[in-house]
Amino acid sequence: MANTFSLNKEFDILVIGSGLGGLVSALVLAKEGLKVCVLEKNNQYGGNLQTFSRDKLIFDTGVHYLGGLSKGQNLHQYFSYLGIMDDLQLEQMADDGYDRITFGDHQTEYPHAQGYDNFVEQLAQHFPEERENLQNYCEEIQRVCSQFPRYNLVGKENYNEEILHLNTRRFIESITPNRTLQSVLLGSNFLYAGDSENVPFYVHALTVNSYIQSAYKCTQGGSQISKLLIRRLREHGAEVHKHSEVSEFIFNENQVLTGVKTSAGKEYRAKNFISNIEIRSAINLIGEDRLKKSFLNRIKSWEPVSSCFSVYLVLKPQAIPEFNYNIYHFSNEESVWNAHRYQKNAWPENYMLSSTRSKRHPDFAESLTVISYMDFDEVEAWKNTFNTVVEEQDRGEGYEKFKLEKAEKMIAAVEKKIPDLRKSVKRIYTSSPLSYRDYIGSFNGNMYGYMKSSENPLKTMVSPKTKIDNLFLTGQSVNMHGILGCTIGAFNTCGEILGKEVVDERLIQLINKNNGEEN
């Protein structure tokens, strides 16, 4: 369906950036009959949902698995409301261990299983004397999640201050004195960038709860989510434009935001605007003089979470058996607490490893993805280069050499777990913090926005409503990250525009409909 463009057209809503938060916000509002337009600077929509193809295989850049997608669970209900659930191509991961946690040279793989009873059961086989503590851990995870607005679609309106201040380290240490079990429970903390010492416990709880409920892989890559959302947007009459980087906000003489200008010189007018871009980029477009100094200083004081380096391995046919789970490996049990703080000479001290099933030989893997933390300062030498499909730039031989050396180190580390891995590899591809910065638009290539602290949890919480009356925020650089976090954030943003009661009413109708179908 071709998009038409008219300089005279005014939209009800203009969304800047097509990450998950932007697309969900756009679709919720389009379903309400509003005239919506989405502008994306890149060649591909979807932010962290983007995929790329090499050797006719699909690789994910950000979304490697999803949680809470079984019938009745929260993400399933949100995606059902958006009209994309039934078209997603999914494969449920291993029931008795969708994630496996490993340490050093030890052969033991500690499982995180699906379903709370099963989660306890599988870990109790390794820690029989800890069964009651594991049950307490599971109960507390669920209690904390139930306290969050929109986690269960409707219900709670405000954050519980006491829960915001609960610290992950202190909580885990209060659950069990067993140091190995503590490390196992924290083993998937790569999903919130590995800082279990300072991060509030709610971040850990919200993250792991979804996967314990149910864990799935997108069999055709995470980009199918953005493609389906865009299809639904167009069905509701919305316009979606790529290669449209917003370079300027247009304010009238009363300092009211009336439109935007793209780097190609096109102007788009709207009544309301939603920014789904990195919050620092949004501030540059607004102009610092239009914002309170206290707000600016708070944003500038935020520390980005770590970035990462990814190695994508195309495998020779029938070389490595497929495994339907992720491996989170750590050099030792203690390194789990601050996994993102690594020694450069010992890199990679930890990694996440996942496989993709071969279509022709289902018992074997066709590719592997390995990801480890990487600080932006490791690629500082090339920070002034910019390279995307839209705007290609060669970063030079030094950069290629750097990536090759890192890939070799990563393969050597994984080879301790998969002997002769190197012999099974057909081709190697990589992405660095620069790739994430350029394609996703995140500050210094950070994976999940900004570091949160239980000491001052409100510091990194930002209202979707800004001081500019008709400008709203959504996406991972404000509040929660991840598929569920960004989806919930988008519904909160829409609540500010439509009224919370309207969004609640729509979701209650959905819940009642689903309950009726189940009965």
Protein backbone atom coordinates (compact mmCIF):
# COMPACT_ATOMS: atom_id res chain seq x y z
CA MET A 1 0.00 0.00 0.00
CA ALA A 2 1.61 3.25 -1.09
CA ASN A 3 1.83 6.08 1.41
CA THR A 4 0.74 9.49 0.15
CA PHE A 5 2.33 12.67 1.39
CA SER A 6 0.76 16.08 1.56
CA LEU A 7 2.28 19.24 3.00
CA ASN A 8 -1.22 20.46 3.89
CA LYS A 9 -2.15 17.37 5.85
CA GLU A 10 -2.34 17.64 9.64
CA PHE A 11 -2.27 14.50 11.77
CA ASP A 12 -3.79 13.96 15.18
CA ILE A 13 -0.66 12.11 16.28
CA LEU A 14 2.87 12.14 14.90
CA VAL A 15 5.18 9.43 16.28
CA ILE A 16 8.92 9.99 15.95
CA GLY A 17 10.76 6.65 15.84
CA SER A 18 9.36 3.20 15.14
CA GLY A 19 10.70 1.19 18.06
CA LEU A 20 8.19 -1.07 19.79
CA GLY A 21 6.95 1.69 22.11
CA GLY A 22 6.28 4.01 19.17
CA LEU A 23 4.51 1.39 17.05
CA VAL A 24 2.32 0.18 19.92
CA SER A 25 1.38 3.78 20.88
CA ALA A 26 0.59 4.54 17.23
CA LEU A 27 -1.62 1.48 16.85
CA VAL A 28 -3.55 1.98 20.12
CA LEU A 29 -4.34 5.55 19.00
CA ALA A 30 -5.13 4.57 15.39
CA LYS A 31 -7.60 1.97 16.72
CA GLU A 32 -9.37 4.89 18.42
CA GLY A 33 -9.89 6.54 15.04
CA LEU A 34 -7.10 9.12 15.30
CA LYS A 35 -5.12 10.16 12.22
CA VAL A 36 -1.62 8.80 12.90
CA CYS A 37 1.75 9.11 11.17
CA VAL A 38 5.01 7.36 12.14
CA LEU A 39 8.43 8.61 10.98
CA GLU A 40 11.51 6.34 11.05
CA LYS A 41 15.02 7.40 10.09
CA ASN A 42 16.32 3.93 9.22
CA ASN A 43 15.76 1.52 6.35
CA GLN A 44 14.04 -0.94 8.70
CA TYR A 45 11.29 -0.32 11.22
CA GLY A 46 11.28 -1.67 14.75
CA GLY A 47 14.30 -0.43 16.75
CA ASN A 48 15.52 -3.41 18.79
CA LEU A 49 13.12 -5.64 16.84
CA GLN A 50 15.26 -5.27 13.72
CA THR A 51 16.72 -8.37 12.10
CA PHE A 52 19.29 -8.80 9.37
CA SER A 53 19.89 -11.53 6.86
CA ARG A 54 23.22 -13.22 6.09
CA ASP A 55 23.72 -16.37 4.02
CA LYS A 56 19.92 -16.55 3.67
CA LEU A 57 19.59 -16.86 7.45
CA ILE A 58 17.78 -14.40 9.75
CA PHE A 59 19.58 -12.98 12.80
CA ASP A 60 18.02 -10.92 15.59
CA THR A 61 19.75 -7.77 16.79
CA GLY A 62 17.90 -7.42 20.08
CA VAL A 63 14.96 -9.75 20.69
CA HIS A 64 16.15 -13.30 21.22
CA TYR A 65 13.17 -14.64 23.15
CA LEU A 66 9.86 -13.47 24.60
CA GLY A 67 7.95 -14.20 27.81
CA GLY A 68 4.33 -14.04 28.96
CA LEU A 69 2.91 -15.14 25.60
CA SER A 70 0.81 -18.12 26.61
CA LYS A 71 -2.98 -17.69 26.65
CA GLY A 72 -4.19 -15.48 29.50
CA GLN A 73 -0.72 -14.06 30.24
CA ASN A 74 -0.11 -10.32 30.02
CA LEU A 75 1.90 -9.96 26.81
CA HIS A 76 -0.46 -12.42 25.07
CA GLN A 77 -3.37 -10.16 26.07
CA TYR A 78 -1.64 -6.95 24.97
CA PHE A 79 -0.68 -8.50 21.62
CA SER A 80 -4.24 -9.84 21.23
CA TYR A 81 -5.62 -6.34 21.73
CA LEU A 82 -3.21 -5.07 19.07
CA GLY A 83 -4.36 -7.82 16.70
CA ILE A 84 -0.98 -9.43 16.12
CA MET A 85 -0.97 -12.44 18.47
CA ASP A 86 -2.53 -15.00 16.13
CA ASP A 87 -0.11 -14.23 13.29
CA LEU A 88 3.13 -14.54 15.27
CA GLN A 89 5.25 -17.55 14.36
CA LEU A 90 6.49 -18.86 17.70
CA GLU A 91 8.27 -21.87 19.13
CA GLN A 92 8.05 -22.58 22.84
CA MET A 93 11.43 -23.11 24.46
CA ALA A 94 12.50 -26.09 26.61
CA ASP A 95 10.00 -26.51 29.44
CA ASP A 96 12.50 -27.77 32.01
CA GLY A 97 15.12 -25.11 31.27
CA TYR A 98 14.59 -22.29 28.78
CA ASP A 99 17.71 -20.69 30.32
CA ARG A 100 20.69 -22.66 31.64
CA ILE A 101 23.25 -21.00 33.92
CA THR A 102 26.86 -22.23 33.90
CA PHE A 103 30.04 -21.23 35.72
CA GLY A 104 33.71 -21.56 34.82
CA ASP A 105 34.82 -25.06 33.84
CA HIS A 106 32.01 -26.79 35.77
CA GLN A 107 29.80 -29.03 33.66
CA THR A 108 26.61 -28.43 35.67
CA GLU A 109 23.89 -26.50 33.87
CA TYR A 110 21.44 -24.95 36.34
CA PRO A 111 17.99 -24.62 34.72
CA HIS A 112 15.41 -21.84 34.83
CA ALA A 113 12.22 -23.76 34.03
CA GLN A 114 8.81 -22.58 32.78
CA GLY A 115 5.96 -22.51 35.30
CA TYR A 116 6.60 -21.57 38.94
CA ASP A 117 6.10 -25.10 40.34
CA ASN A 118 8.42 -26.49 37.69
CA PHE A 119 10.94 -23.68 38.31
CA VAL A 120 11.15 -24.75 41.95
CA GLU A 121 11.17 -28.46 41.08
CA GLN A 122 14.04 -28.28 38.59
CA LEU A 123 16.29 -26.17 40.83
CA ALA A 124 15.40 -28.25 43.94
CA GLN A 125 17.05 -31.22 42.20
CA HIS A 126 20.34 -29.30 42.46
CA PHE A 127 19.54 -27.63 45.81
CA PRO A 128 17.23 -30.06 47.70
CA GLU A 129 17.59 -28.24 51.02
CA GLU A 130 16.55 -24.94 49.39
CA ARG A 131 13.03 -25.89 48.25
CA GLU A 132 11.24 -23.61 50.72
CA ASN A 133 13.57 -20.70 49.92
CA LEU A 134 12.91 -21.20 46.21
CA GLN A 135 9.16 -21.12 46.86
CA ASN A 136 9.58 -17.88 48.83
CA TYR A 137 11.58 -16.39 45.96
CA CYS A 138 8.83 -17.27 43.47
CA GLU A 139 6.08 -15.86 45.70
CA GLU A 140 7.95 -12.58 46.13
CA ILE A 141 8.57 -12.24 42.38
CA GLN A 142 4.84 -12.57 41.75
CA ARG A 143 3.92 -10.23 44.62
CA VAL A 144 6.22 -7.48 43.34
CA CYS A 145 4.91 -7.82 39.78
CA SER A 146 1.30 -7.56 40.97
CA GLN A 147 2.14 -4.15 42.50
CA PHE A 148 2.97 -2.57 39.14
CA PRO A 149 0.55 -0.43 37.15
CA ARG A 150 -0.64 -2.19 33.97
CA TYR A 151 1.43 -5.32 34.67
CA ASN A 152 -1.92 -7.11 34.88
CA LEU A 153 -3.39 -4.78 32.20
CA VAL A 154 -5.65 -2.85 34.61
CA GLY A 155 -5.83 -2.35 38.35
CA LYS A 156 -3.10 -0.56 40.23
CA GLU A 157 -2.55 3.07 39.39
CA ASN A 158 0.51 4.12 41.36
CA TYR A 159 3.95 2.73 42.10
CA ASN A 160 4.54 1.32 45.56
CA GLU A 161 7.47 3.36 46.97
CA GLU A 162 8.62 0.56 49.27
CA ILE A 163 8.90 -1.88 46.36
CA LEU A 164 10.83 0.65 44.25
CA HIS A 165 13.53 0.84 46.93
CA LEU A 166 13.91 -2.93 47.38
CA ASN A 167 17.48 -3.80 46.33
CA THR A 168 18.19 -6.93 44.26
CA ARG A 169 21.35 -7.94 46.11
CA ARG A 170 19.84 -7.48 49.56
CA PHE A 171 16.72 -9.37 48.56
CA ILE A 172 18.53 -12.33 47.01
CA GLU A 173 20.84 -12.59 50.03
CA SER A 174 17.80 -12.55 52.33
CA ILE A 175 16.19 -15.43 50.40
CA THR A 176 19.11 -17.88 50.71
CA PRO A 177 22.62 -17.95 52.20
CA ASN A 178 23.71 -20.40 49.47
CA ARG A 179 26.12 -18.41 47.27
CA THR A 180 25.78 -20.74 44.29
CA LEU A 181 21.99 -20.55 44.35
CA GLN A 182 22.15 -16.75 44.65
CA SER A 183 24.25 -16.65 41.48
CA VAL A 184 21.92 -19.09 39.69
CA LEU A 185 18.85 -16.98 40.50
CA LEU A 186 20.65 -13.94 39.09
CA GLY A 187 22.01 -15.87 36.11
CA SER A 188 19.84 -14.22 33.44
CA ASN A 189 20.62 -10.68 34.62
CA PHE A 190 22.04 -9.98 31.15
CA LEU A 191 18.38 -9.16 30.42
CA TYR A 192 18.74 -5.99 32.49
CA ALA A 193 22.47 -5.40 31.93
CA GLY A 194 23.96 -7.31 34.80
CA ASP A 195 24.13 -4.87 37.71
CA SER A 196 22.52 -6.93 40.47
CA GLU A 197 24.23 -4.98 43.26
CA ASN A 198 22.48 -1.66 42.67
CA VAL A 199 19.43 -2.39 40.53
CA PRO A 200 15.99 -2.33 42.20
CA PHE A 201 14.51 -5.78 42.72
CA TYR A 202 11.40 -4.85 40.71
CA VAL A 203 13.56 -4.74 37.54
CA HIS A 204 14.71 -8.31 38.21
CA ALA A 205 11.18 -9.44 39.11
CA LEU A 206 9.44 -7.89 36.09
CA THR A 207 12.08 -9.33 33.79
CA VAL A 208 12.23 -12.94 34.97
CA ASN A 209 8.53 -13.35 35.82
CA SER A 210 7.49 -13.18 32.16
CA TYR A 211 9.89 -15.95 31.14
CA ILE A 212 9.03 -18.20 34.08
CA GLN A 213 5.39 -17.87 32.99
CA SER A 214 6.32 -18.94 29.44
CA ALA A 215 9.30 -18.55 27.11
CA TYR A 216 9.13 -18.42 23.31
CA LYS A 217 11.35 -17.77 20.32
CA CYS A 218 10.14 -15.91 17.23
CA THR A 219 10.90 -18.48 14.53
CA GLN A 220 11.16 -15.83 11.81
CA GLY A 221 12.98 -13.27 13.96
CA GLY A 222 11.69 -10.43 16.15
CA SER A 223 11.07 -8.17 13.16
CA GLN A 224 7.81 -10.05 12.49
CA ILE A 225 6.37 -8.13 15.48
CA SER A 226 7.11 -4.74 13.90
CA LYS A 227 5.94 -5.94 10.47
CA LEU A 228 2.60 -7.07 11.91
CA LEU A 229 2.17 -3.82 13.86
CA ILE A 230 2.81 -1.81 10.70
CA ARG A 231 0.36 -3.95 8.74
CA ARG A 232 -2.31 -3.26 11.38
CA LEU A 233 -1.42 0.46 11.40
CA ARG A 234 -1.96 0.70 7.66
CA GLU A 235 -5.25 -1.19 7.98
CA HIS A 236 -6.35 1.58 10.35
CA GLY A 237 -5.35 4.25 7.84
CA ALA A 238 -2.08 5.31 9.48
CA GLU A 239 0.88 6.53 7.45
CA VAL A 240 4.32 5.02 8.10
CA HIS A 241 7.45 6.49 6.48
CA LYS A 242 11.02 5.20 6.67
CA HIS A 243 14.16 7.12 5.62
CA SER A 244 12.51 10.07 7.41
CA GLU A 245 14.85 11.37 10.10
CA VAL A 246 13.36 14.21 12.13
CA SER A 247 15.98 16.97 12.25
CA GLU A 248 13.95 19.85 13.70
CA PHE A 249 10.90 20.60 15.85
CA ILE A 250 8.76 23.50 14.62
CA PHE A 251 7.32 25.81 17.30
CA ASN A 252 4.96 28.73 16.65
CA GLU A 253 5.32 32.21 18.18
CA ASN A 254 3.52 30.99 21.34
CA GLN A 255 6.11 28.20 21.72
CA VAL A 256 3.53 25.52 20.85
CA LEU A 257 4.92 22.51 18.98
CA THR A 258 3.14 22.44 15.62
CA GLY A 259 5.25 20.21 13.39
CA VAL A 260 8.57 18.61 12.53
CA LYS A 261 10.99 18.88 9.67
CA THR A 262 12.94 15.91 8.31
CA SER A 263 16.55 15.95 7.12
CA ALA A 264 15.14 15.68 3.57
CA GLY A 265 13.28 18.97 4.11
CA LYS A 266 9.72 17.61 4.40
CA GLU A 267 7.41 19.11 7.03
CA TYR A 268 4.75 17.18 8.95
CA ARG A 269 2.08 18.92 11.04
CA ALA A 270 0.21 17.40 13.97
CA LYS A 271 -1.86 18.20 17.05
CA ASN A 272 0.09 15.83 19.32
CA PHE A 273 3.54 14.27 19.15
CA ILE A 274 5.08 11.14 20.67
CA SER A 275 8.85 10.82 20.85
CA ASN A 276 10.07 7.22 20.69
CA ILE A 277 13.69 8.23 20.18
CA GLU A 278 16.54 8.29 22.68
CA ILE A 279 15.64 10.88 25.33
CA ARG A 280 18.88 12.89 24.82
CA SER A 281 18.13 13.15 21.10
CA ALA A 282 14.61 14.33 21.92
CA ILE A 283 16.03 17.04 24.22
CA ASN A 284 18.26 18.29 21.39
CA LEU A 285 15.20 18.62 19.13
CA ILE A 286 13.12 20.38 21.81
CA GLY A 287 15.93 22.80 22.68
CA GLU A 288 17.40 22.93 26.18
CA ASP A 289 16.09 26.46 26.74
CA ARG A 290 12.50 25.13 26.63
CA LEU A 291 13.08 22.68 29.49
CA LYS A 292 13.66 23.09 33.21
CA LYS A 293 17.31 23.07 34.30
CA SER A 294 16.52 20.52 37.02
CA PHE A 295 15.04 18.13 34.45
CA LEU A 296 18.01 18.56 32.08
CA ASN A 297 20.54 17.98 34.85
CA ARG A 298 18.70 14.85 35.95
CA ILE A 299 18.73 13.38 32.43
CA LYS A 300 22.38 14.28 31.86
CA SER A 301 23.35 12.59 35.11
CA TRP A 302 21.88 9.26 34.00
CA GLU A 303 24.44 6.57 33.24
CA PRO A 304 23.73 4.42 30.19
CA VAL A 305 23.72 0.68 30.79
CA SER A 306 26.44 -1.30 29.07
CA SER A 307 26.51 -2.02 25.37
CA CYS A 308 27.48 -5.33 23.86
CA PHE A 309 29.45 -7.12 21.19
CA SER A 310 27.66 -9.87 19.26
CA VAL A 311 29.08 -12.68 17.15
CA TYR A 312 26.79 -14.42 14.65
CA LEU A 313 28.02 -17.81 13.46
CA VAL A 314 26.65 -19.44 10.31
CA LEU A 315 27.19 -23.18 10.81
CA LYS A 316 28.01 -25.98 8.41
CA PRO A 317 25.06 -28.36 7.84
CA GLN A 318 24.46 -30.98 10.57
CA ALA A 319 27.56 -29.93 12.49
CA ILE A 320 26.14 -28.90 15.90
CA PRO A 321 22.99 -30.32 17.56
CA GLU A 322 20.22 -27.78 18.10
CA PHE A 323 19.47 -26.70 21.70
CA ASN A 324 16.15 -25.04 22.49
CA TYR A 325 17.40 -22.89 25.37
CA ASN A 326 19.84 -20.06 26.12
CA ILE A 327 23.10 -20.52 27.96
CA TYR A 328 24.26 -17.77 30.31
CA HIS A 329 27.88 -18.47 31.12
CA PHE A 330 30.02 -16.75 33.78
CA SER A 331 33.74 -17.10 34.46
CA ASN A 332 32.87 -17.66 38.15
CA GLU A 333 29.92 -17.42 40.51
CA GLU A 334 30.93 -14.05 41.97
CA SER A 335 31.11 -12.33 38.58
CA VAL A 336 27.31 -12.60 38.25
CA TRP A 337 26.75 -9.67 40.60
CA ASN A 338 28.52 -7.14 38.38
CA ALA A 339 28.73 -8.99 35.11
CA HIS A 340 28.93 -5.78 33.06
CA ARG A 341 32.14 -4.71 34.82
CA TYR A 342 34.70 -6.84 33.04
CA GLN A 343 38.47 -6.90 32.74
CA LYS A 344 39.39 -6.08 29.15
CA ASN A 345 42.33 -8.50 29.13
CA ALA A 346 40.01 -11.34 30.30
CA TRP A 347 37.13 -10.57 27.87
CA PRO A 348 34.69 -12.27 27.44
CA GLU A 349 34.22 -13.12 31.11
CA ASN A 350 30.60 -13.99 30.44
CA TYR A 351 28.28 -14.46 27.50
CA MET A 352 24.80 -15.40 26.37
CA LEU A 353 24.65 -18.19 23.76
CA SER A 354 21.59 -19.15 21.70
CA SER A 355 20.97 -21.33 18.66
CA THR A 356 18.55 -21.31 15.73
CA ARG A 357 17.07 -24.58 14.49
CA SER A 358 17.86 -25.64 10.93
CA LYS A 359 14.81 -25.77 8.67
CA ARG A 360 16.25 -28.64 6.62
CA HIS A 361 17.73 -30.63 9.51
CA PRO A 362 15.57 -29.84 12.59
CA ASP A 363 17.82 -31.78 15.00
CA PHE A 364 20.69 -29.45 14.18
CA ALA A 365 21.43 -25.73 14.56
CA GLU A 366 21.91 -23.57 11.46
CA SER A 367 23.38 -20.64 13.39
CA LEU A 368 24.58 -19.52 16.83
CA THR A 369 24.51 -16.05 18.38
CA VAL A 370 26.93 -15.15 21.19
CA ILE A 371 26.70 -11.83 23.04
CA SER A 372 28.91 -10.30 25.70
CA TYR A 373 29.15 -6.90 27.36
CA MET A 374 31.30 -4.23 25.79
CA ASP A 375 31.96 -0.68 26.99
CA PHE A 376 31.66 2.08 24.44
CA ASP A 377 35.21 3.25 25.18
CA GLU A 378 36.50 0.13 23.40
CA VAL A 379 35.21 1.57 20.12
CA GLU A 380 35.87 5.24 20.97
CA ALA A 381 38.50 5.47 18.20
CA TRP A 382 35.74 5.11 15.58
CA LYS A 383 33.00 7.13 17.32
CA ASN A 384 32.93 9.75 14.53
CA THR A 385 32.09 7.15 11.88
CA PHE A 386 28.49 6.32 11.05
CA ASN A 387 27.42 3.23 9.13
CA THR A 388 23.90 2.01 8.26
CA VAL A 389 22.13 0.65 5.20
CA VAL A 390 20.86 4.18 4.49
CA GLU A 391 24.19 5.88 5.11
CA GLU A 392 27.13 3.58 4.44
CA GLN A 393 30.57 4.48 5.70
CA ASP A 394 33.66 2.31 5.95
CA ARG A 395 35.10 2.47 9.45
CA GLY A 396 38.48 1.32 8.17
CA GLU A 397 40.90 -1.58 8.49
CA GLY A 398 41.61 -0.97 12.17
CA TYR A 399 37.97 -1.48 13.04
CA GLU A 400 37.72 -4.69 10.98
CA LYS A 401 40.83 -6.02 12.72
CA PHE A 402 39.37 -5.10 16.13
CA LYS A 403 36.13 -6.98 15.38
CA LEU A 404 37.96 -10.04 14.07
CA GLU A 405 40.14 -10.25 17.20
CA LYS A 406 37.07 -10.00 19.42
CA ALA A 407 35.24 -12.64 17.41
CA GLU A 408 38.20 -15.01 17.75
CA LYS A 409 38.22 -14.51 21.54
CA MET A 410 34.49 -15.16 21.71
CA ILE A 411 34.75 -18.37 19.68
CA ALA A 412 37.66 -19.54 21.86
CA ALA A 413 35.52 -18.98 24.98
CA VAL A 414 32.50 -20.85 23.59
CA GLU A 415 34.71 -23.67 22.32
CA LYS A 416 35.24 -24.70 25.95
CA LYS A 417 31.56 -25.57 25.95
CA ILE A 418 31.24 -26.75 22.33
CA PRO A 419 34.52 -28.50 21.40
CA ASP A 420 35.62 -28.11 17.77
CA LEU A 421 33.20 -25.23 17.29
CA ARG A 422 35.64 -23.51 14.93
CA LYS A 423 35.57 -26.47 12.54
CA SER A 424 31.77 -26.22 12.40
CA VAL A 425 31.67 -22.54 11.47
CA LYS A 426 31.03 -21.60 7.86
CA ARG A 427 30.97 -17.80 8.26
CA ILE A 428 31.33 -15.17 11.01
CA TYR A 429 29.53 -11.83 11.36
CA THR A 430 29.74 -9.31 14.19
CA SER A 431 28.14 -6.17 15.62
CA SER A 432 29.69 -3.74 18.11
CA PRO A 433 28.41 -0.87 20.31
CA LEU A 434 28.71 1.32 17.20
CA SER A 435 26.27 -0.91 15.32
CA TYR A 436 23.73 -0.59 18.15
CA ARG A 437 24.25 3.17 18.33
CA ASP A 438 23.80 3.65 14.58
CA TYR A 439 20.92 1.23 13.97
CA ILE A 440 18.97 1.46 17.22
CA GLY A 441 19.81 5.09 18.03
CA SER A 442 20.66 4.34 21.67
CA PHE A 443 23.10 6.57 23.54
CA ASN A 444 26.60 5.02 23.24
CA GLY A 445 24.96 1.84 21.96
CA ASN A 446 23.42 0.99 25.34
CA MET A 447 21.23 -2.11 25.36
CA TYR A 448 18.45 -1.07 27.72
CA GLY A 449 18.38 2.65 28.35
CA TYR A 450 19.81 3.87 31.65
CA MET A 451 21.01 2.37 34.92
CA LYS A 452 18.43 2.20 37.66
CA SER A 453 19.32 2.35 41.36
CA SER A 454 17.35 1.17 44.38
CA GLU A 455 18.92 4.08 46.32
CA ASN A 456 17.16 6.61 44.09
CA PRO A 457 14.60 4.74 41.94
CA LEU A 458 12.63 7.85 40.94
CA LYS A 459 15.71 9.50 39.41
CA THR A 460 15.35 7.49 36.17
CA MET A 461 11.55 7.47 36.08
CA VAL A 462 10.09 10.00 33.68
CA SER A 463 6.45 10.85 33.09
CA PRO A 464 5.23 10.16 29.52
CA LYS A 465 3.86 13.73 29.60
CA THR A 466 6.45 16.48 29.07
CA LYS A 467 6.47 20.22 29.86
CA ILE A 468 5.60 20.76 26.19
CA ASP A 469 1.81 20.31 26.42
CA ASN A 470 1.37 18.23 23.27
CA LEU A 471 4.62 16.22 23.40
CA PHE A 472 4.72 12.77 25.00
CA LEU A 473 7.49 10.21 25.55
CA THR A 474 7.64 6.45 25.16
CA GLY A 475 10.28 3.73 24.67
CA GLN A 476 13.06 2.06 26.61
CA SER A 477 15.05 5.17 27.50
CA VAL A 478 12.15 6.22 29.75
CA ASN A 479 11.19 3.77 32.51
CA MET A 480 11.07 0.01 31.69
CA HIS A 481 12.86 -1.71 28.81
CA GLY A 482 12.18 -5.02 27.07
CA ILE A 483 9.21 -6.16 24.99
CA LEU A 484 6.77 -6.13 27.89
CA GLY A 485 8.22 -2.97 29.49
CA CYS A 486 7.97 -0.97 26.26
CA THR A 487 4.46 -2.30 25.55
CA ILE A 488 3.21 -1.32 29.02
CA GLY A 489 4.96 2.05 28.65
CA ALA A 490 3.17 2.65 25.34
CA PHE A 491 -0.24 1.99 26.90
CA ASN A 492 0.66 4.42 29.72
CA THR A 493 1.61 7.04 27.10
CA CYS A 494 -1.70 6.51 25.32
CA GLY A 495 -3.49 6.86 28.67
CA GLU A 496 -2.06 10.38 28.94
CA ILE A 497 -3.50 11.27 25.51
CA LEU A 498 -6.83 9.42 25.52
CA GLY A 499 -7.45 9.39 29.25
CA LYS A 500 -6.50 6.46 31.49
CA GLU A 501 -10.16 5.43 31.83
CA VAL A 502 -10.51 4.97 28.04
CA VAL A 503 -7.46 2.66 27.89
CA ASP A 504 -8.71 0.77 30.97
CA GLU A 505 -12.12 0.33 29.38
CA ARG A 506 -10.63 -1.15 26.19
CA LEU A 507 -8.45 -3.58 28.16
CA ILE A 508 -11.32 -4.59 30.47
CA GLN A 509 -13.42 -5.36 27.36
CA LEU A 510 -10.57 -7.57 26.12
CA ILE A 511 -10.24 -9.38 29.47
CA ASN A 512 -14.00 -9.98 29.64
CA LYS A 513 -14.03 -11.24 26.05
CA ASN A 514 -11.15 -13.63 26.78
CA ASN A 515 -12.78 -14.85 30.00
CA GLY A 516 -16.02 -15.45 28.09
CA GLU A 517 -14.17 -17.50 25.47
CA GLU A 518 -12.43 -19.56 28.17
CA ASN A 519 -15.72 -20.25 29.96
